[in-house]
């Protein structure tokens, strides 16, 4: 038994550092493309790319370029951004809002790029980010909606203020809309308040937990609902939501068993 315990300890001393290197330097850079095929009346033939939680540090210029290239490679009809573009709460820890907006200006979609802001954006300087995005023709929706026409198909895109640093107003945001309707929110915690008439809700914020342990799952999601809305496709009471694991990292610069992703949605 003593020999077995010694061997286990030795294995841990070897495997532990390897896993740490993987979680810090490898997996956070293994960007994957998560694809969903969905059916929704009136949305047939539309392709959306959705990305969120970039958390861009000052040194992330090349990373942003790779993200933009990955998105453009999908040839989307429209691109939706789910918030948390900055890293941390202070200017010293984050790439400048102007640089982030300039990098995102290279995103290519025939029918535009639309965004909501996240909690980190609110703590950083929401007004500054919105202004810089506007300069690059990226429209930020704050409890508002816009009619979008793609391939002779029209739908309403609804953007909500952040659940934690803003005041999401579902009633105002949905005012004068008609189906089909897509709701864009930084946090999935708004989902219980989304009416059944909405065709799809898109959210981020959770990072999928960022670290997912085998047989345990996500460690921390920053959601009041725990792991209920941690990631992926969720259907509840006839309502549908997709929660992305996001692109960047927060708190600790690690990902384990939870690769960063961009989301591609094709409506059939």
Protein backbone atom coordinates (compact mmCIF):
# COMPACT_ATOMS: atom_id res chain seq x y z
CA UNK A 1 0.00 0.00 0.00
CA UNK A 2 2.84 2.39 0.87
CA UNK A 3 4.50 1.74 -2.49
CA UNK A 4 1.19 2.42 -4.26
CA UNK A 5 0.75 5.73 -2.47
CA UNK A 6 4.30 6.77 -3.35
CA UNK A 7 3.67 5.96 -7.02
CA UNK A 8 0.42 7.95 -7.00
CA UNK A 9 2.22 10.95 -5.52
CA UNK A 10 4.99 10.68 -8.12
CA UNK A 11 2.40 10.50 -10.89
CA UNK A 12 0.69 13.58 -9.50
CA UNK A 13 3.97 15.48 -9.45
CA UNK A 14 4.40 14.69 -13.13
CA UNK A 15 0.84 15.09 -14.35
CA UNK A 16 0.04 18.21 -12.30
CA UNK A 17 2.54 20.53 -14.03
CA UNK A 18 1.61 19.10 -17.44
CA UNK A 19 -2.08 19.86 -16.84
CA UNK A 20 -1.23 23.34 -15.62
CA UNK A 21 0.76 24.11 -18.76
CA UNK A 22 -2.10 22.76 -20.87
CA UNK A 23 -4.71 24.86 -19.01
CA UNK A 24 -2.70 28.08 -19.15
CA UNK A 25 -0.86 27.99 -22.47
CA UNK A 26 -2.59 25.47 -24.73
CA UNK A 27 -6.35 25.09 -24.29
CA UNK A 28 -7.15 28.83 -24.06
CA UNK A 29 -5.79 29.13 -27.62
CA UNK A 30 -7.66 26.14 -29.09
CA UNK A 31 -10.53 28.10 -30.58
CA UNK A 32 -13.28 25.84 -31.90
CA UNK A 33 -16.29 26.50 -34.09
CA UNK A 34 -19.49 25.23 -32.50
CA UNK A 35 -22.24 24.72 -35.08
CA UNK A 36 -25.98 24.51 -34.55
CA UNK A 37 -28.65 23.79 -37.13
CA UNK A 38 -32.07 25.04 -36.09
CA UNK A 39 -35.57 25.38 -37.41
CA UNK A 40 -37.58 28.56 -36.92
CA UNK A 41 -40.41 29.83 -39.05
CA UNK A 42 -39.30 32.82 -41.08
CA UNK A 43 -35.57 32.39 -40.44
CA UNK A 44 -34.78 29.74 -43.05
CA UNK A 45 -31.50 30.20 -44.87
CA UNK A 46 -29.97 32.68 -42.40
CA UNK A 47 -26.50 32.13 -40.98
CA UNK A 48 -25.45 33.85 -37.76
CA UNK A 49 -22.07 33.92 -36.06
CA UNK A 50 -22.22 34.70 -32.36
CA UNK A 51 -19.19 35.38 -30.17
CA UNK A 52 -18.86 36.68 -26.65
CA UNK A 53 -16.51 37.25 -23.71
CA UNK A 54 -13.34 38.17 -25.56
CA UNK A 55 -11.67 39.70 -22.46
CA UNK A 56 -8.86 41.23 -24.49
CA UNK A 57 -5.64 42.15 -22.69
CA UNK A 58 -3.16 44.73 -24.08
CA UNK A 59 -1.06 41.94 -25.62
CA UNK A 60 -3.97 40.29 -27.43
CA UNK A 61 -3.64 42.03 -30.79
CA UNK A 62 -2.79 38.88 -32.74
CA UNK A 63 -5.39 36.91 -30.81
CA UNK A 64 -8.06 39.37 -31.90
CA UNK A 65 -6.91 39.04 -35.51
CA UNK A 66 -7.23 35.25 -35.32
CA UNK A 67 -10.71 35.50 -33.83
CA UNK A 68 -11.83 37.88 -36.56
CA UNK A 69 -10.37 35.60 -39.25
CA UNK A 70 -12.16 32.59 -37.77
CA UNK A 71 -15.47 34.45 -37.80
CA UNK A 72 -15.06 35.78 -41.32
CA UNK A 73 -14.16 32.29 -42.49
CA UNK A 74 -17.70 31.20 -41.73
CA UNK A 75 -19.11 33.79 -44.18
CA UNK A 76 -22.00 34.81 -41.92
CA UNK A 77 -25.01 36.86 -42.97
CA UNK A 78 -24.90 38.73 -39.66
CA UNK A 79 -22.53 38.82 -36.67
CA UNK A 80 -23.71 39.19 -33.08
CA UNK A 81 -21.42 40.14 -30.19
CA UNK A 82 -22.38 39.18 -26.64
CA UNK A 83 -20.32 41.54 -24.47
CA UNK A 84 -17.29 41.57 -22.16
CA UNK A 85 -14.77 42.79 -24.69
CA UNK A 86 -12.37 44.23 -22.11
CA UNK A 87 -10.10 42.46 -19.63
CA UNK A 88 -10.66 43.26 -15.98
CA UNK A 89 -11.98 46.57 -14.67
CA UNK A 90 -9.03 48.90 -15.18
CA UNK A 91 -7.47 50.39 -18.27
CA UNK A 92 -4.08 48.95 -17.40
CA UNK A 93 -5.33 45.35 -17.61
CA UNK A 94 -7.29 45.68 -20.83
CA UNK A 95 -6.71 46.45 -24.47
CA UNK A 96 -7.99 49.95 -25.21
CA UNK A 97 -11.61 50.23 -26.26
CA UNK A 98 -10.54 52.04 -29.43
CA UNK A 99 -8.15 49.22 -30.34
CA UNK A 100 -10.79 46.57 -29.65
CA UNK A 101 -13.31 48.39 -31.82
CA UNK A 102 -10.73 48.86 -34.58
CA UNK A 103 -9.93 45.15 -34.52
CA UNK A 104 -13.59 44.17 -34.62
CA UNK A 105 -14.19 46.57 -37.52
CA UNK A 106 -12.60 43.92 -39.76
CA UNK A 107 -15.49 41.55 -39.11
CA UNK A 108 -17.33 40.97 -42.37
CA UNK A 109 -21.06 40.33 -42.66
CA UNK A 110 -23.33 41.62 -45.41
CA UNK A 111 -26.03 42.57 -42.96
CA UNK A 112 -24.01 44.12 -40.20
CA UNK A 113 -22.48 43.59 -36.79
CA UNK A 114 -24.59 44.14 -33.65
CA UNK A 115 -23.61 44.02 -30.01
CA UNK A 116 -24.64 44.19 -26.39
CA UNK A 117 -22.38 45.09 -23.49
CA UNK A 118 -21.35 42.88 -20.56
CA UNK A 119 -20.66 43.40 -16.88
CA UNK A 120 -16.92 43.95 -17.39
CA UNK A 121 -17.71 46.56 -20.04
CA UNK A 122 -19.95 48.30 -17.53
CA UNK A 123 -17.27 48.31 -14.85
CA UNK A 124 -14.66 49.49 -17.35
CA UNK A 125 -16.52 52.28 -19.17
CA UNK A 126 -19.66 51.31 -21.08
CA UNK A 127 -20.09 54.72 -22.69
CA UNK A 128 -16.55 54.69 -24.07
CA UNK A 129 -16.97 51.22 -25.56
CA UNK A 130 -20.30 52.11 -27.13
CA UNK A 131 -18.83 55.27 -28.67
CA UNK A 132 -15.84 53.42 -30.11
CA UNK A 133 -18.06 50.68 -31.51
CA UNK A 134 -20.32 53.27 -33.11
CA UNK A 135 -17.32 54.79 -34.91
CA UNK A 136 -16.72 51.36 -36.48
CA UNK A 137 -20.38 50.84 -37.49
CA UNK A 138 -20.97 48.27 -34.75
CA UNK A 139 -24.37 49.05 -33.28
CA UNK A 140 -24.89 48.47 -29.57
CA UNK A 141 -28.47 47.60 -28.62
CA UNK A 142 -29.53 48.61 -25.11
CA UNK A 143 -33.10 47.51 -24.40
CA UNK A 144 -33.89 48.19 -28.03
CA UNK A 145 -34.70 46.26 -31.17
CA UNK A 146 -34.02 46.60 -34.84
CA UNK A 147 -35.64 45.03 -37.88
CA UNK A 148 -33.14 43.10 -39.97
CA UNK A 149 -33.80 41.90 -43.52
CA UNK A 150 -31.68 39.09 -44.93
CA UNK A 151 -32.39 37.32 -48.22
CA UNK A 152 -35.94 38.70 -48.34
CA UNK A 153 -36.48 37.43 -44.78
CA UNK A 154 -37.11 39.89 -41.96
CA UNK A 155 -36.75 39.38 -38.22
CA UNK A 156 -36.36 41.51 -35.12
CA UNK A 157 -33.09 41.55 -33.23
CA UNK A 158 -33.49 42.55 -29.59
CA UNK A 159 -30.55 43.63 -27.43
CA UNK A 160 -30.72 43.85 -23.64
CA UNK A 161 -28.69 45.81 -21.14
CA UNK A 162 -26.45 43.73 -18.88
CA UNK A 163 -28.15 41.85 -16.07
CA UNK A 164 -25.63 42.97 -13.45
CA UNK A 165 -24.43 46.45 -14.44
CA UNK A 166 -27.43 47.68 -16.40
CA UNK A 167 -31.20 47.42 -16.22
CA UNK A 168 -32.50 44.86 -18.73
CA UNK A 169 -36.02 45.86 -19.72
CA UNK A 170 -37.62 43.04 -21.65
CA UNK A 171 -40.91 44.88 -22.18
CA UNK A 172 -39.31 47.97 -23.69
CA UNK A 173 -36.87 45.94 -25.74
CA UNK A 174 -39.62 43.84 -27.31
CA UNK A 175 -41.94 46.78 -27.96
CA UNK A 176 -43.52 46.73 -31.43
CA UNK A 177 -41.68 43.57 -32.48
CA UNK A 178 -43.24 40.68 -34.31
CA UNK A 179 -41.98 37.20 -35.04
CA UNK A 180 -39.42 36.01 -35.78
CA UNK A 181 -37.51 37.49 -32.81
CA UNK A 182 -33.97 36.83 -31.58
CA UNK A 183 -32.92 38.16 -28.17
CA UNK A 184 -29.26 38.99 -27.54
CA UNK A 185 -28.18 39.18 -23.88
CA UNK A 186 -24.81 39.07 -22.18
CA UNK A 187 -26.08 36.96 -19.29
CA UNK A 188 -28.33 33.90 -19.59
CA UNK A 189 -29.96 34.84 -16.28
CA UNK A 190 -32.62 36.79 -18.20
CA UNK A 191 -33.95 33.57 -19.73
CA UNK A 192 -36.81 32.99 -17.25
CA UNK A 193 -38.15 36.45 -18.20
CA UNK A 194 -38.02 35.83 -21.95
CA UNK A 195 -41.56 35.31 -23.30
CA UNK A 196 -42.36 32.06 -25.14
CA UNK A 197 -42.99 34.01 -28.34
CA UNK A 198 -39.24 34.68 -28.76
CA UNK A 199 -37.69 32.28 -31.24
CA UNK A 200 -34.17 32.19 -29.78
CA UNK A 201 -32.12 33.77 -27.00
CA UNK A 202 -28.34 34.09 -27.27
CA UNK A 203 -26.12 34.64 -24.22
CA UNK A 204 -22.59 34.28 -22.89
CA UNK A 205 -21.07 35.40 -19.57
CA UNK A 206 -20.62 31.93 -18.01
CA UNK A 207 -17.54 30.89 -20.02
CA UNK A 208 -19.02 27.40 -19.75
CA UNK A 209 -17.46 27.37 -16.29
CA UNK A 210 -14.00 27.90 -17.85
CA UNK A 211 -12.78 24.89 -15.84
CA UNK A 212 -14.82 21.67 -16.06
CA UNK A 213 -13.74 18.76 -13.93
CA UNK A 214 -14.53 15.17 -15.00
CA UNK A 215 -17.60 13.79 -13.21
CA UNK A 216 -18.14 17.24 -11.64
CA UNK A 217 -18.65 19.73 -14.40
CA UNK A 218 -18.27 23.49 -14.32
CA UNK A 219 -16.71 24.91 -11.18
CA UNK A 220 -17.95 28.51 -11.45
CA UNK A 221 -20.40 30.08 -13.89
CA UNK A 222 -21.11 33.51 -12.32
CA UNK A 223 -24.81 32.80 -12.80
CA UNK A 224 -27.47 32.97 -10.10
CA UNK A 225 -28.72 29.67 -11.52
CA UNK A 226 -25.44 27.84 -11.02
CA UNK A 227 -24.73 25.41 -13.86
CA UNK A 228 -28.32 25.35 -15.16
CA UNK A 229 -27.46 27.74 -18.00
CA UNK A 230 -23.72 27.04 -18.15
CA UNK A 231 -23.39 26.32 -21.87
CA UNK A 232 -24.86 24.91 -25.05
CA UNK A 233 -28.40 24.54 -26.30
CA UNK A 234 -31.07 24.87 -23.62
CA UNK A 235 -34.79 24.32 -24.06
CA UNK A 236 -37.15 25.17 -21.25
CA UNK A 237 -40.92 25.51 -21.41
CA UNK A 238 -40.81 25.65 -25.18
CA UNK A 239 -38.22 28.45 -25.13
CA UNK A 240 -34.79 28.03 -26.70
CA UNK A 241 -31.43 29.50 -25.75
CA UNK A 242 -27.82 29.01 -26.80
CA UNK A 243 -25.14 29.92 -24.27
CA UNK A 244 -21.62 30.20 -25.63
CA UNK A 245 -18.50 29.27 -23.66
CA UNK A 246 -16.98 32.46 -24.99
CA UNK A 247 -13.55 33.22 -26.36
CA UNK A 248 -11.46 34.59 -23.50
CA UNK A 249 -10.80 34.01 -19.83
CA UNK A 250 -11.61 35.91 -16.66
CA UNK A 251 -10.30 35.84 -13.07
CA UNK A 252 -7.66 33.22 -13.91
CA UNK A 253 -6.10 32.88 -17.39
CA UNK A 254 -6.96 29.20 -17.65
CA UNK A 255 -9.32 26.85 -19.42
CA UNK A 256 -9.59 23.14 -18.78
CA UNK A 257 -11.95 20.77 -20.56
CA UNK A 258 -13.77 23.89 -21.76
CA UNK A 259 -12.35 25.14 -25.05
CA UNK A 260 -13.06 28.69 -26.24
CA UNK A 261 -15.54 28.88 -29.08
CA UNK A 262 -17.38 30.92 -31.64
CA UNK A 263 -20.94 29.84 -32.36
CA UNK A 264 -22.41 29.39 -35.84
CA UNK A 265 -26.18 29.07 -36.18
CA UNK A 266 -27.76 28.00 -39.46
CA UNK A 267 -31.51 28.08 -39.78
CA UNK A 268 -33.07 25.42 -41.99
